[in-house]
Amino acid sequence: MTPVPGRLAVIDMQRVFADPASPWAAPRYADAAAGVRALLPAFAGRVTFTRFIAPREPSGAWRAYYARWPFALQPPDAGLWQLTDGFGDLAEHVVDAPTFGKWTPRLAARLAPEERLVLAGVSTDCCVLSTALAAADAGTRVTVVADACAGVDDDSHLRALRVMALYGPLIEVTTVADLLAEPGT
C-alpha cells in the first residue's frame, strides 16, 4: 500500500467505548475499528494510539464529572482503559491523557513541522473533536476520517463532523476511501 502523507492518531479505541454494556459505549465502535484497520497499513511507522485515562485525583470541574461517572475512577492499567481489536499489539506509540483532547506535547512532538495530523477513533463528538480543535489552533493541518470515527450516537457524530468541517481549511473531513485515493498516495 502506498503511504499517505502525515501521521495518524487513533483516538481512544478502548474497551470502555467498545463494550455495549459500558455507559460510555459508542454504538458504531466496530465500524470505526474497521476504518482504523483499513488506515493502518497506509501509515505504517507513523501511528500514535491514545488512551483516555482517569486522573489519580480529579480536580476542578473534573470532580463533578467523576461524581457523575464514578465507575471510571480506575488506574491506567484497568481493563476498561485497554485498547481493543488487537490494537494494543499494534501500538508502537501510545499517549495517555486524563483529558478529552489528546493534542498534548507528546502527540505534538510526533509530528514534523507542517506535517498533517490524521484523526480516527472515538468519540467523534468528544475526544476527536477536542483533539482536532486544539491541533488546528496550534497551526496543524488536521484531517478527520469520518468513517473511521464513531460518536455517542449517529446524530452527535454527524453534528461533530459538520462543526469540524466549518474550520476548513484548518480541519478537513474525509472518508477512508477518499484519503487512501488522494493524488500522490
Protein backbone atom coordinates (compact mmCIF):
# COMPACT_ATOMS: atom_id res chain seq x y z
CA MET A 1 0.00 0.00 0.00
CA THR A 2 1.26 3.47 -0.87
CA PRO A 3 1.88 5.62 2.23
CA VAL A 4 -0.48 8.52 2.94
CA PRO A 5 1.32 11.75 3.91
CA GLY A 6 1.09 12.75 7.54
CA ARG A 7 0.73 11.00 10.87
CA LEU A 8 -2.28 9.04 12.10
CA ALA A 9 -3.57 9.47 15.64
CA VAL A 10 -6.02 6.77 16.65
CA ILE A 11 -8.10 8.27 19.43
CA ASP A 12 -9.23 6.15 22.38
CA MET A 13 -10.05 2.79 20.79
CA GLN A 14 -10.57 1.33 24.25
CA ARG A 15 -12.77 -1.27 25.91
CA VAL A 16 -14.76 1.36 27.80
CA PHE A 17 -16.02 2.73 24.47
CA ALA A 18 -16.38 -0.66 22.73
CA ASP A 19 -18.30 -2.62 25.37
CA PRO A 20 -22.05 -2.29 24.71
CA ALA A 21 -22.66 -2.60 28.47
CA SER A 22 -20.48 0.43 29.22
CA PRO A 23 -22.26 3.72 29.88
CA TRP A 24 -19.68 5.28 27.53
CA ALA A 25 -20.20 2.83 24.65
CA ALA A 26 -20.05 4.20 21.12
CA PRO A 27 -22.73 2.21 19.23
CA ARG A 28 -20.78 2.22 15.95
CA TYR A 29 -17.45 1.41 17.57
CA ALA A 30 -16.99 -1.69 15.37
CA ASP A 31 -17.44 0.44 12.23
CA ALA A 32 -14.81 2.90 13.45
CA ALA A 33 -12.46 0.00 14.28
CA ALA A 34 -12.87 -1.35 10.74
CA GLY A 35 -11.99 2.09 9.35
CA VAL A 36 -8.93 2.32 11.58
CA ARG A 37 -7.74 -1.13 10.47
CA ALA A 38 -8.09 -0.02 6.82
CA LEU A 39 -5.93 3.06 7.51
CA LEU A 40 -3.11 1.44 9.49
CA PRO A 41 -1.12 -0.01 6.55
CA ALA A 42 -1.02 3.40 4.83
CA PHE A 43 0.55 4.95 7.95
CA ALA A 44 3.00 2.19 8.88
CA GLY A 45 5.50 3.51 11.42
CA ARG A 46 3.58 6.80 11.72
CA VAL A 47 0.73 5.88 14.06
CA THR A 48 0.09 7.03 17.61
CA PHE A 49 -2.70 5.48 19.67
CA THR A 50 -4.18 7.49 22.51
CA ARG A 51 -5.95 6.41 25.66
CA PHE A 52 -8.30 8.37 27.86
CA ILE A 53 -7.47 7.54 31.47
CA ALA A 54 -8.82 8.82 34.76
CA PRO A 55 -6.65 11.10 36.86
CA ARG A 56 -5.41 9.81 40.20
CA GLU A 57 -7.28 12.59 41.93
CA PRO A 58 -9.81 14.65 39.95
CA SER A 59 -9.57 18.40 40.39
CA GLY A 60 -11.61 21.40 39.32
CA ALA A 61 -14.62 20.62 37.13
CA TRP A 62 -13.36 17.04 36.75
CA ARG A 63 -14.55 16.36 40.33
CA ALA A 64 -18.18 16.84 39.24
CA TYR A 65 -17.54 14.80 36.10
CA TYR A 66 -16.25 11.80 38.06
CA ALA A 67 -19.01 12.21 40.66
CA ARG A 68 -21.35 11.50 37.72
CA TRP A 69 -19.16 8.66 36.34
CA PRO A 70 -17.52 7.06 39.42
CA PHE A 71 -17.08 3.70 37.62
CA ALA A 72 -14.31 5.34 35.59
CA LEU A 73 -12.06 6.22 38.53
CA GLN A 74 -9.75 3.30 37.88
CA PRO A 75 -5.97 3.16 37.41
CA PRO A 76 -4.43 3.31 33.91
CA ASP A 77 -3.86 -0.46 33.82
CA ALA A 78 -7.54 -1.27 34.48
CA GLY A 79 -9.28 -3.36 31.83
CA LEU A 80 -11.68 -0.63 30.73
CA TRP A 81 -8.76 1.56 29.58
CA GLN A 82 -7.09 -1.14 27.44
CA LEU A 83 -7.01 -0.85 23.65
CA THR A 84 -9.30 -3.25 21.77
CA ASP A 85 -9.38 -5.18 18.48
CA GLY A 86 -5.73 -6.18 18.64
CA PHE A 87 -4.75 -2.51 18.56
CA GLY A 88 -2.69 -2.94 21.72
CA ASP A 89 -0.38 -5.31 19.85
CA LEU A 90 -0.04 -2.80 17.00
CA ALA A 91 0.50 0.27 19.16
CA GLU A 92 4.18 1.20 18.98
CA HIS A 93 3.43 4.65 20.40
CA VAL A 94 0.71 5.30 22.99
CA VAL A 95 -0.15 8.66 24.51
CA ASP A 96 -2.26 8.59 27.69
CA ALA A 97 -4.13 11.69 28.83
CA PRO A 98 -6.74 12.36 31.52
CA THR A 99 -8.36 14.91 29.21
CA PHE A 100 -10.76 14.71 26.29
CA GLY A 101 -8.33 16.41 23.94
CA LYS A 102 -5.25 14.39 23.07
CA TRP A 103 -3.31 17.26 21.48
CA THR A 104 -0.65 17.06 24.17
CA PRO A 105 3.05 17.94 23.94
CA ARG A 106 3.77 14.20 23.48
CA LEU A 107 1.43 13.93 20.47
CA ALA A 108 2.59 17.25 19.02
CA ALA A 109 6.21 16.07 19.25
CA ARG A 110 5.38 13.11 16.97
CA LEU A 111 4.71 15.46 14.04
CA ALA A 112 7.30 17.21 11.93
CA PRO A 113 6.74 20.91 11.25
CA GLU A 114 3.99 21.37 8.66
CA GLU A 115 3.06 17.67 8.83
CA ARG A 116 -0.62 16.77 8.64
CA LEU A 117 -2.38 15.07 11.55
CA VAL A 118 -4.97 12.48 10.51
CA LEU A 119 -7.52 11.59 13.19
CA ALA A 120 -9.66 8.48 13.62
CA GLY A 121 -11.32 6.93 16.66
CA VAL A 122 -13.91 7.71 19.30
CA SER A 123 -15.81 9.61 20.24
CA THR A 124 -16.26 11.96 17.31
CA ASP A 125 -18.27 14.40 19.41
CA CYS A 126 -15.88 14.43 22.36
CA CYS A 127 -12.23 13.34 22.20
CA VAL A 128 -11.82 13.51 18.41
CA LEU A 129 -13.44 16.96 18.29
CA SER A 130 -11.38 18.23 21.25
CA THR A 131 -8.16 16.95 19.70
CA ALA A 132 -8.93 18.36 16.25
CA LEU A 133 -9.75 21.86 17.53
CA ALA A 134 -6.66 22.09 19.75
CA ALA A 135 -4.35 20.84 16.98
CA ALA A 136 -5.88 23.26 14.47
CA ASP A 137 -5.48 26.14 16.94
CA ALA A 138 -1.80 25.18 17.21
CA GLY A 139 -1.48 25.58 13.42
CA THR A 140 -1.53 21.91 12.50
CA ARG A 141 -3.39 20.78 9.38
CA VAL A 142 -5.96 18.23 10.57
CA THR A 143 -7.84 15.59 8.58
CA VAL A 144 -10.68 13.74 10.31
CA VAL A 145 -11.65 10.42 8.73
CA ALA A 146 -15.42 10.33 9.23
CA ASP A 147 -15.98 6.61 8.66
CA ALA A 148 -13.08 5.69 10.93
CA CYS A 149 -14.77 7.54 13.81
CA ALA A 150 -17.85 6.89 15.93
CA GLY A 151 -19.86 9.11 18.25
CA VAL A 152 -22.10 8.56 21.23
CA ASP A 153 -24.89 8.30 18.65
CA ASP A 154 -25.30 8.90 14.92
CA ASP A 155 -26.72 12.42 15.28
CA SER A 156 -23.92 13.57 17.58
CA HIS A 157 -21.33 12.04 15.25
CA LEU A 158 -22.76 13.89 12.23
CA ARG A 159 -23.11 17.18 14.11
CA ALA A 160 -19.49 16.99 15.29
CA LEU A 161 -18.30 16.31 11.73
CA ARG A 162 -20.28 19.32 10.48
CA VAL A 163 -18.80 21.54 13.18
CA MET A 164 -15.25 20.42 12.38
CA ALA A 165 -15.83 20.98 8.66
CA LEU A 166 -16.63 24.63 9.49
CA TYR A 167 -12.98 25.01 10.49
CA GLY A 168 -11.74 24.35 6.96
CA PRO A 169 -9.12 24.62 5.66
CA LEU A 170 -7.56 24.00 9.10
CA ILE A 171 -9.70 20.88 9.51
CA GLU A 172 -10.78 18.68 6.62
CA VAL A 173 -13.34 15.88 6.95
CA THR A 174 -12.91 12.94 4.57
CA THR A 175 -13.55 9.21 4.24
CA VAL A 176 -11.22 6.23 4.33
CA ALA A 177 -11.65 5.66 0.58
CA ASP A 178 -11.03 9.30 -0.32
CA LEU A 179 -7.98 9.56 1.93
CA LEU A 180 -6.44 6.40 0.51
CA ALA A 181 -7.16 7.61 -3.05
CA GLU A 182 -5.55 11.05 -2.62
CA PRO A 183 -3.31 12.05 -5.53
CA GLY A 184 0.27 11.14 -4.83
CA THR A 185 -0.57 8.33 -2.41
